[in-house]
């Protein structure tokens, strides 16, 4: 995700603000532009996922109709069989372009709903209900992204004010107010989609290719393999230098672990931004849990991460880090700024190739975990850190 935004940052930065006056747009600092561009990319990803699920529904409905037709035939129900044949013909024609594009669901408009047979009516109603639920879920997802943006912009206004960048603070506040009004009047989801539509076509195409490549071949994930890990301990941590349990590390954040539930809770406020430790200036302090993992094949788990205190951008905290350590090779490090209320990360293992990777589910991105042959036992660090004074962390990580 970070590389992607860097790659397309110049193009994305040229986006026009969906809301706000021209003067405010011109004065927006880079931090606000980046936050808004992040929203555009996430909106595209969310819409791609919705479109994928939506496009698969007609084939599923036709399969259900075929099954219902067989049932009626076996029962000797002529009327039921004829009703399903008629619906299958109508639906196929509508799906292939004969439907009214102005209908909410062109392939199944309300006037096509039958009164009987009852089972066919239920199939139709279920089809419409699922589409409605998925549309509502997409809108809520986009509203949450907009809410995150407003939070980041509010934080940025305070920081710019402290730095005496008053004109920029006013521009950012105006931008945040427009998005806040969109949330209040229920148009935030539509505004986010309009912003996403203004992304350069090359950017949207690349996002679509990433979405498709993520479906080429699924790696394996076991829901119980992680239970073979042995927890070593929870201790203080610094991202810089991957410094774990050093006696001079500041006691930043509090991490607790409910082992039966597989739940970690990390809370606190950044009180130390920088400190000399082991003859070097260190930053990014927090806590880490360290496990012993029997082998690369056992490196399988799903981490559901929910956060109340959010990072305003990729270079601020709180931040989550996963470190895989092997005595036979270099440490493998994955970092993710906690900019969203919920993210899901998966450690996956491919039996065919004997390879590992880490996947950010919502971002539809994957990164390889490069381990040497016969790596043997591993150590896994799961860390949460903060970097700037006053940054608040309230994060729950559930391991499955």
Protein backbone atom coordinates (compact mmCIF):
# COMPACT_ATOMS: atom_id res chain seq x y z
CA UNK A 1 0.00 0.00 0.00
CA UNK A 2 2.79 2.38 0.96
CA UNK A 3 4.73 1.70 -2.27
CA UNK A 4 1.56 2.03 -4.30
CA UNK A 5 0.77 5.47 -2.91
CA UNK A 6 4.34 6.63 -3.48
CA UNK A 7 4.20 5.36 -7.07
CA UNK A 8 1.02 7.19 -7.88
CA UNK A 9 1.34 10.07 -5.41
CA UNK A 10 2.01 12.71 -8.06
CA UNK A 11 -1.01 11.75 -10.09
CA UNK A 12 -3.25 11.41 -7.07
CA UNK A 13 -2.06 14.73 -5.66
CA UNK A 14 -3.51 16.46 -8.72
CA UNK A 15 -7.03 15.46 -7.73
CA UNK A 16 -9.51 18.26 -7.31
CA UNK A 17 -11.14 18.43 -3.92
CA UNK A 18 -14.67 17.08 -4.07
CA UNK A 19 -15.84 19.72 -1.66
CA UNK A 20 -14.55 23.13 -0.66
CA UNK A 21 -13.72 26.42 -2.35
CA UNK A 22 -10.88 27.01 -4.76
CA UNK A 23 -8.80 29.05 -2.35
CA UNK A 24 -8.90 26.34 0.27
CA UNK A 25 -7.91 23.74 -2.32
CA UNK A 26 -4.86 25.73 -3.37
CA UNK A 27 -3.69 26.14 0.21
CA UNK A 28 -4.07 22.51 1.30
CA UNK A 29 -0.76 21.21 2.68
CA UNK A 30 0.72 17.94 1.46
CA UNK A 31 -0.38 16.11 4.62
CA UNK A 32 -4.04 16.84 3.86
CA UNK A 33 -3.68 15.99 0.18
CA UNK A 34 -2.10 12.65 1.07
CA UNK A 35 -4.88 11.82 3.54
CA UNK A 36 -7.50 12.65 0.94
CA UNK A 37 -5.69 10.58 -1.71
CA UNK A 38 -5.62 7.63 0.69
CA UNK A 39 -9.41 7.92 0.90
CA UNK A 40 -9.70 7.87 -2.90
CA UNK A 41 -7.60 4.71 -3.19
CA UNK A 42 -9.50 2.95 -0.40
CA UNK A 43 -12.81 3.92 -2.01
CA UNK A 44 -11.69 2.37 -5.30
CA UNK A 45 -10.66 -0.83 -3.54
CA UNK A 46 -13.97 -1.05 -1.68
CA UNK A 47 -15.95 -0.50 -4.89
CA UNK A 48 -13.91 -3.13 -6.73
CA UNK A 49 -14.67 -5.67 -4.01
CA UNK A 50 -18.36 -4.78 -4.15
CA UNK A 51 -18.44 -5.04 -7.95
CA UNK A 52 -16.76 -8.45 -7.83
CA UNK A 53 -19.35 -9.82 -5.43
CA UNK A 54 -22.19 -8.16 -7.34
CA UNK A 55 -21.10 -9.54 -10.72
CA UNK A 56 -21.06 -13.10 -9.35
CA UNK A 57 -24.68 -12.96 -8.18
CA UNK A 58 -26.55 -13.55 -11.48
CA UNK A 59 -24.81 -16.88 -12.11
CA UNK A 60 -25.60 -17.96 -8.56
CA UNK A 61 -29.26 -17.06 -9.06
CA UNK A 62 -29.47 -19.05 -12.30
CA UNK A 63 -27.96 -22.04 -10.52
CA UNK A 64 -30.60 -21.73 -7.80
CA UNK A 65 -33.35 -21.55 -10.43
CA UNK A 66 -32.05 -24.73 -12.06
CA UNK A 67 -32.12 -26.52 -8.71
CA UNK A 68 -35.67 -25.30 -8.02
CA UNK A 69 -36.81 -26.44 -11.47
CA UNK A 70 -35.45 -29.94 -10.80
CA UNK A 71 -37.27 -30.02 -7.49
CA UNK A 72 -40.60 -29.07 -9.06
CA UNK A 73 -40.13 -31.61 -11.83
CA UNK A 74 -39.40 -34.38 -9.33
CA UNK A 75 -42.56 -33.40 -7.48
CA UNK A 76 -44.55 -33.44 -10.72
CA UNK A 77 -45.45 -29.75 -10.23
CA UNK A 78 -46.11 -28.52 -13.76
CA UNK A 79 -47.10 -24.96 -12.81
CA UNK A 80 -44.05 -24.53 -10.62
CA UNK A 81 -41.77 -25.88 -13.34
CA UNK A 82 -43.24 -23.54 -15.97
CA UNK A 83 -42.95 -20.54 -13.63
CA UNK A 84 -39.23 -21.22 -13.07
CA UNK A 85 -38.60 -21.71 -16.80
CA UNK A 86 -40.30 -18.38 -17.49
CA UNK A 87 -38.29 -16.60 -14.79
CA UNK A 88 -35.00 -18.10 -16.00
CA UNK A 89 -35.71 -16.88 -19.55
CA UNK A 90 -36.73 -13.41 -18.39
CA UNK A 91 -33.75 -13.07 -16.04
CA UNK A 92 -31.21 -14.24 -18.64
CA UNK A 93 -32.51 -11.75 -21.21
CA UNK A 94 -32.44 -8.91 -18.67
CA UNK A 95 -28.94 -9.86 -17.51
CA UNK A 96 -27.66 -9.88 -21.09
CA UNK A 97 -28.82 -6.32 -21.72
CA UNK A 98 -32.57 -6.43 -21.99
CA UNK A 99 -33.23 -4.86 -18.60
CA UNK A 100 -34.00 -1.21 -17.91
CA UNK A 101 -30.71 0.42 -16.88
CA UNK A 102 -32.64 2.91 -14.75
CA UNK A 103 -33.89 0.15 -12.45
CA UNK A 104 -31.94 -0.28 -9.22
CA UNK A 105 -31.51 -3.96 -10.12
CA UNK A 106 -32.00 -4.12 -13.92
CA UNK A 107 -32.02 -7.92 -14.06
CA UNK A 108 -34.74 -8.17 -11.39
CA UNK A 109 -37.05 -5.13 -11.23
CA UNK A 110 -39.85 -5.12 -8.69
CA UNK A 111 -42.50 -5.72 -11.36
CA UNK A 112 -40.84 -9.07 -12.12
CA UNK A 113 -41.54 -10.41 -8.62
CA UNK A 114 -43.99 -13.31 -8.77
CA UNK A 115 -46.78 -13.99 -6.30
CA UNK A 116 -46.33 -17.74 -6.56
CA UNK A 117 -44.87 -20.26 -6.34
CA UNK A 118 -43.69 -19.20 -2.90
CA UNK A 119 -40.20 -20.70 -3.18
CA UNK A 120 -39.52 -18.76 -6.37
CA UNK A 121 -40.72 -15.56 -4.73
CA UNK A 122 -38.35 -16.21 -1.81
CA UNK A 123 -35.42 -16.67 -4.21
CA UNK A 124 -36.21 -13.34 -5.84
CA UNK A 125 -36.58 -11.53 -2.53
CA UNK A 126 -33.33 -13.01 -1.24
CA UNK A 127 -31.52 -11.84 -4.37
CA UNK A 128 -32.75 -8.27 -3.91
CA UNK A 129 -32.10 -8.30 -0.17
CA UNK A 130 -28.49 -9.42 -0.59
CA UNK A 131 -27.84 -6.66 -3.14
CA UNK A 132 -29.39 -4.10 -0.79
CA UNK A 133 -27.35 -5.33 2.18
CA UNK A 134 -24.13 -5.26 0.21
CA UNK A 135 -24.86 -1.76 -1.05
CA UNK A 136 -25.50 -0.60 2.51
CA UNK A 137 -22.29 -2.29 3.68
CA UNK A 138 -20.32 -0.51 0.95
CA UNK A 139 -21.83 2.83 1.92
CA UNK A 140 -21.03 2.25 5.60
CA UNK A 141 -17.48 1.26 4.69
CA UNK A 142 -17.03 4.46 2.71
CA UNK A 143 -18.58 6.53 5.50
CA UNK A 144 -16.09 5.03 7.94
CA UNK A 145 -13.24 5.95 5.60
CA UNK A 146 -14.58 9.52 5.43
CA UNK A 147 -14.91 9.63 9.21
CA UNK A 148 -11.27 8.55 9.48
CA UNK A 149 -10.31 11.34 7.09
CA UNK A 150 -12.18 13.93 9.16
CA UNK A 151 -10.38 12.74 12.29
CA UNK A 152 -7.02 13.02 10.55
CA UNK A 153 -7.82 16.50 9.24
CA UNK A 154 -8.93 17.68 12.71
CA UNK A 155 -5.63 16.44 14.15
CA UNK A 156 -3.73 18.17 11.35
CA UNK A 157 -5.52 21.48 12.05
CA UNK A 158 -4.24 21.39 15.64
CA UNK A 159 -0.70 20.56 14.55
CA UNK A 160 -0.61 23.29 11.89
CA UNK A 161 -1.91 25.80 14.41
CA UNK A 162 0.85 24.89 16.85
CA UNK A 163 3.36 25.37 14.02
CA UNK A 164 1.90 28.83 13.21
CA UNK A 165 0.81 27.64 9.75
CA UNK A 166 -2.49 29.43 10.17
CA UNK A 167 -3.58 29.77 6.52
CA UNK A 168 -2.99 26.08 5.93
CA UNK A 169 -4.85 25.25 9.14
CA UNK A 170 -7.84 27.24 7.90
CA UNK A 171 -7.77 25.44 4.54
CA UNK A 172 -7.62 22.04 6.22
CA UNK A 173 -10.47 22.95 8.57
CA UNK A 174 -12.62 24.04 5.60
CA UNK A 175 -11.88 20.74 3.89
CA UNK A 176 -12.75 18.80 7.03
CA UNK A 177 -15.98 20.76 7.50
CA UNK A 178 -17.14 19.90 3.99
CA UNK A 179 -16.57 16.19 4.59
CA UNK A 180 -18.24 16.48 7.99
CA UNK A 181 -21.32 17.99 6.35
CA UNK A 182 -21.35 15.12 3.88
CA UNK A 183 -21.39 12.71 6.83
CA UNK A 184 -24.21 14.65 8.47
CA UNK A 185 -26.45 14.70 5.39
CA UNK A 186 -25.77 11.10 4.38
CA UNK A 187 -23.85 11.85 1.19
CA UNK A 188 -20.35 10.87 2.38
CA UNK A 189 -20.35 7.56 0.52
CA UNK A 190 -21.32 9.23 -2.76
CA UNK A 191 -18.71 11.96 -2.21
CA UNK A 192 -16.02 9.33 -1.63
CA UNK A 193 -17.00 7.55 -4.86
CA UNK A 194 -16.85 10.83 -6.79
CA UNK A 195 -13.39 11.46 -5.38
CA UNK A 196 -12.32 7.95 -6.39
CA UNK A 197 -13.64 8.50 -9.92
CA UNK A 198 -11.21 11.40 -10.33
CA UNK A 199 -8.18 9.18 -9.80
CA UNK A 200 -6.05 8.89 -12.95
CA UNK A 201 -7.19 6.00 -15.15
CA UNK A 202 -3.76 4.37 -14.83
CA UNK A 203 -4.14 4.33 -11.07
CA UNK A 204 -7.60 2.75 -11.20
CA UNK A 205 -6.35 0.20 -13.73
CA UNK A 206 -3.44 -0.73 -11.46
CA UNK A 207 -5.81 -1.15 -8.53
CA UNK A 208 -8.00 -3.41 -10.62
CA UNK A 209 -4.99 -5.50 -11.63
CA UNK A 210 -4.00 -5.86 -7.99
CA UNK A 211 -7.55 -6.96 -7.17
CA UNK A 212 -7.44 -9.61 -9.91
CA UNK A 213 -3.95 -10.84 -9.07
CA UNK A 214 -5.02 -11.45 -5.48
CA UNK A 215 -7.48 -14.08 -6.75
CA UNK A 216 -5.00 -16.08 -8.86
CA UNK A 217 -4.21 -18.68 -6.23
CA UNK A 218 -5.10 -18.78 -2.56
CA UNK A 219 -2.48 -19.78 -0.03
CA UNK A 220 -3.49 -21.96 2.89
CA UNK A 221 -4.42 -20.63 6.32
CA UNK A 222 -5.24 -22.85 9.25
CA UNK A 223 -7.45 -21.50 11.99
CA UNK A 224 -5.66 -23.51 14.67
CA UNK A 225 -2.00 -23.68 13.61
CA UNK A 226 -1.08 -20.60 15.62
CA UNK A 227 -2.03 -22.44 18.80
CA UNK A 228 1.24 -24.38 18.36
CA UNK A 229 3.15 -21.14 18.96
CA UNK A 230 4.68 -20.73 22.39
CA UNK A 231 4.49 -17.26 23.93
CA UNK A 232 7.91 -16.21 25.19
CA UNK A 233 7.03 -12.90 26.81
CA UNK A 234 5.66 -9.38 26.39
CA UNK A 235 8.22 -6.60 26.70
CA UNK A 236 9.12 -3.05 25.67
CA UNK A 237 10.11 -2.53 22.06
CA UNK A 238 11.64 0.02 19.68
CA UNK A 239 11.03 -0.23 15.95
CA UNK A 240 14.40 1.26 15.08
CA UNK A 241 16.86 -1.60 15.26
CA UNK A 242 14.11 -4.08 16.25
CA UNK A 243 15.10 -3.63 19.88
CA UNK A 244 13.18 -6.00 22.14
CA UNK A 245 13.27 -6.20 25.96
CA UNK A 246 16.29 -3.93 26.30
CA UNK A 247 16.54 -2.72 29.93
CA UNK A 248 16.89 0.94 28.89
CA UNK A 249 13.76 1.08 26.75
CA UNK A 250 11.05 3.47 28.00
CA UNK A 251 7.90 1.88 29.38
CA UNK A 252 5.62 3.07 26.58
CA UNK A 253 2.08 1.66 26.23
CA UNK A 254 0.53 -1.26 28.10
CA UNK A 255 0.00 -4.63 26.40
CA UNK A 256 -2.14 -7.36 27.94
CA UNK A 257 -2.86 -10.82 26.53
CA UNK A 258 -5.87 -13.05 27.02
CA UNK A 259 -4.35 -16.31 25.78
CA UNK A 260 -7.51 -18.48 25.73
CA UNK A 261 -9.28 -15.85 23.64
CA UNK A 262 -6.19 -15.06 21.58
CA UNK A 263 -6.69 -11.35 22.26
CA UNK A 264 -4.05 -8.66 22.76
CA UNK A 265 -4.96 -5.19 24.06
CA UNK A 266 -2.57 -2.26 23.68
CA UNK A 267 -3.31 1.10 25.30
CA UNK A 268 -1.56 4.31 26.23
CA UNK A 269 -0.36 7.73 25.11
CA UNK A 270 3.07 8.52 23.68
CA UNK A 271 5.18 10.17 26.40
CA UNK A 272 8.67 9.58 24.93
CA UNK A 273 9.29 10.41 21.28
CA UNK A 274 13.06 9.88 21.25
CA UNK A 275 15.68 8.51 23.64
CA UNK A 276 19.36 7.43 23.54
CA UNK A 277 19.54 3.64 23.97
CA UNK A 278 22.52 1.40 23.38
CA UNK A 279 24.57 4.34 22.06
CA UNK A 280 21.95 5.34 19.47
CA UNK A 281 18.99 7.68 19.34
CA UNK A 282 15.85 5.53 19.12
CA UNK A 283 12.25 6.31 18.19
CA UNK A 284 8.95 4.45 17.79
CA UNK A 285 8.52 2.94 21.26
CA UNK A 286 5.83 0.57 22.45
CA UNK A 287 5.25 -3.06 23.34
CA UNK A 288 5.73 -6.40 21.61
CA UNK A 289 4.63 -9.97 22.17
CA UNK A 290 7.14 -12.62 21.10
CA UNK A 291 6.28 -16.19 20.20
CA UNK A 292 8.41 -19.20 19.30
CA UNK A 293 7.08 -20.78 16.08
CA UNK A 294 8.07 -24.42 15.37
CA UNK A 295 8.59 -24.00 11.60
CA UNK A 296 7.61 -21.90 8.55
CA UNK A 297 4.68 -24.26 7.98
CA UNK A 298 3.31 -23.22 11.37
CA UNK A 299 3.51 -19.53 10.43
CA UNK A 300 -0.23 -19.29 9.75
CA UNK A 301 -2.69 -16.96 11.49
CA UNK A 302 -5.25 -14.23 10.98
CA UNK A 303 -4.90 -10.97 12.93
CA UNK A 304 -8.01 -8.81 13.23
CA UNK A 305 -6.88 -5.37 14.39
CA UNK A 306 -9.38 -2.80 15.68
CA UNK A 307 -8.20 0.65 16.73
CA UNK A 308 -9.77 3.61 18.47
CA UNK A 309 -6.78 5.96 18.29
CA UNK A 310 -5.87 6.27 14.59
CA UNK A 311 -2.69 7.28 12.79
CA UNK A 312 -3.21 10.40 10.69
CA UNK A 313 -0.86 9.14 7.94
CA UNK A 314 1.60 6.35 7.16
CA UNK A 315 4.43 8.09 8.99
CA UNK A 316 2.64 8.55 12.30
CA UNK A 317 1.49 6.24 15.06
CA UNK A 318 0.09 4.06 16.30
CA UNK A 319 1.73 1.52 14.02
CA UNK A 320 1.66 -2.26 13.96
CA UNK A 321 4.72 -4.29 13.05
CA UNK A 322 5.14 -8.01 12.42
CA UNK A 323 8.72 -9.29 12.57
CA UNK A 324 9.71 -12.84 11.59
CA UNK A 325 13.16 -13.81 12.88
CA UNK A 326 15.22 -16.80 11.75
CA UNK A 327 18.68 -17.78 12.99
CA UNK A 328 19.61 -18.61 9.37
CA UNK A 329 18.59 -15.42 7.59
CA UNK A 330 17.67 -11.74 7.79
CA UNK A 331 14.70 -10.55 9.77
CA UNK A 332 11.51 -10.11 7.76
CA UNK A 333 9.60 -6.98 8.77
CA UNK A 334 6.09 -5.84 7.84
CA UNK A 335 4.77 -2.46 9.07
CA UNK A 336 1.26 -1.05 8.87
CA UNK A 337 0.14 2.36 10.14
CA UNK A 338 -3.15 1.94 12.00
CA UNK A 339 -5.09 4.48 9.96
CA UNK A 340 -8.36 2.52 9.88
CA UNK A 341 -10.79 1.32 12.53
CA UNK A 342 -10.32 -2.29 11.45
CA UNK A 343 -7.76 -4.14 9.36
CA UNK A 344 -7.18 -7.84 8.81
CA UNK A 345 -3.73 -9.32 8.27
CA UNK A 346 -3.11 -12.95 7.37
CA UNK A 347 0.05 -15.01 7.67
CA UNK A 348 -0.27 -17.64 4.95
CA UNK A 349 1.67 -20.75 3.93
CA UNK A 350 1.67 -22.40 0.49
CA UNK A 351 2.25 -26.14 0.73
CA UNK A 352 3.00 -26.45 -2.98
CA UNK A 353 5.97 -24.09 -2.95
CA UNK A 354 6.81 -24.11 0.75
CA UNK A 355 6.59 -20.31 0.80
CA UNK A 356 5.09 -17.80 3.21
CA UNK A 357 3.47 -14.44 2.75
CA UNK A 358 1.58 -11.77 4.65
CA UNK A 359 -1.66 -10.36 3.25
CA UNK A 360 -3.50 -7.16 4.08
CA UNK A 361 -7.04 -8.31 3.30
CA UNK A 362 -8.81 -4.94 2.91
CA UNK A 363 -5.94 -3.50 0.87
CA UNK A 364 -5.76 -6.61 -1.36
CA UNK A 365 -1.96 -6.56 -1.12
CA UNK A 366 0.49 -9.33 -0.30
CA UNK A 367 4.17 -9.33 0.62
CA UNK A 368 6.44 -12.41 0.60
CA UNK A 369 8.11 -13.61 3.76
CA UNK A 370 11.50 -14.71 2.46
CA UNK A 371 12.85 -17.47 4.67
CA UNK A 372 15.93 -19.61 3.96
CA UNK A 373 15.63 -23.29 3.13
CA UNK A 374 15.36 -25.43 6.25
CA UNK A 375 14.76 -22.29 8.29
CA UNK A 376 13.75 -24.35 11.31
CA UNK A 377 12.20 -22.71 14.37
CA UNK A 378 11.26 -19.04 14.10
CA UNK A 379 10.51 -16.15 16.42
CA UNK A 380 7.53 -13.91 15.71
CA UNK A 381 7.20 -10.41 17.14
CA UNK A 382 3.83 -8.66 17.05
CA UNK A 383 4.36 -5.03 18.01
CA UNK A 384 2.41 -1.79 18.42
CA UNK A 385 4.34 1.47 18.72
CA UNK A 386 3.84 5.25 18.76
CA UNK A 387 6.27 7.97 17.70
CA UNK A 388 5.01 11.48 18.42
CA UNK A 389 4.17 13.00 21.77
CA UNK A 390 0.48 12.78 22.58
CA UNK A 391 -0.37 10.04 20.08
CA UNK A 392 -3.07 7.85 21.59
CA UNK A 393 -3.25 4.09 21.20
CA UNK A 394 -6.21 1.86 22.01
CA UNK A 395 -5.85 -1.24 19.86
CA UNK A 396 -7.21 -4.76 20.14
CA UNK A 397 -5.64 -7.60 18.15
CA UNK A 398 -7.48 -10.92 17.91
CA UNK A 399 -5.48 -13.92 16.69
CA UNK A 400 -7.28 -16.71 14.86
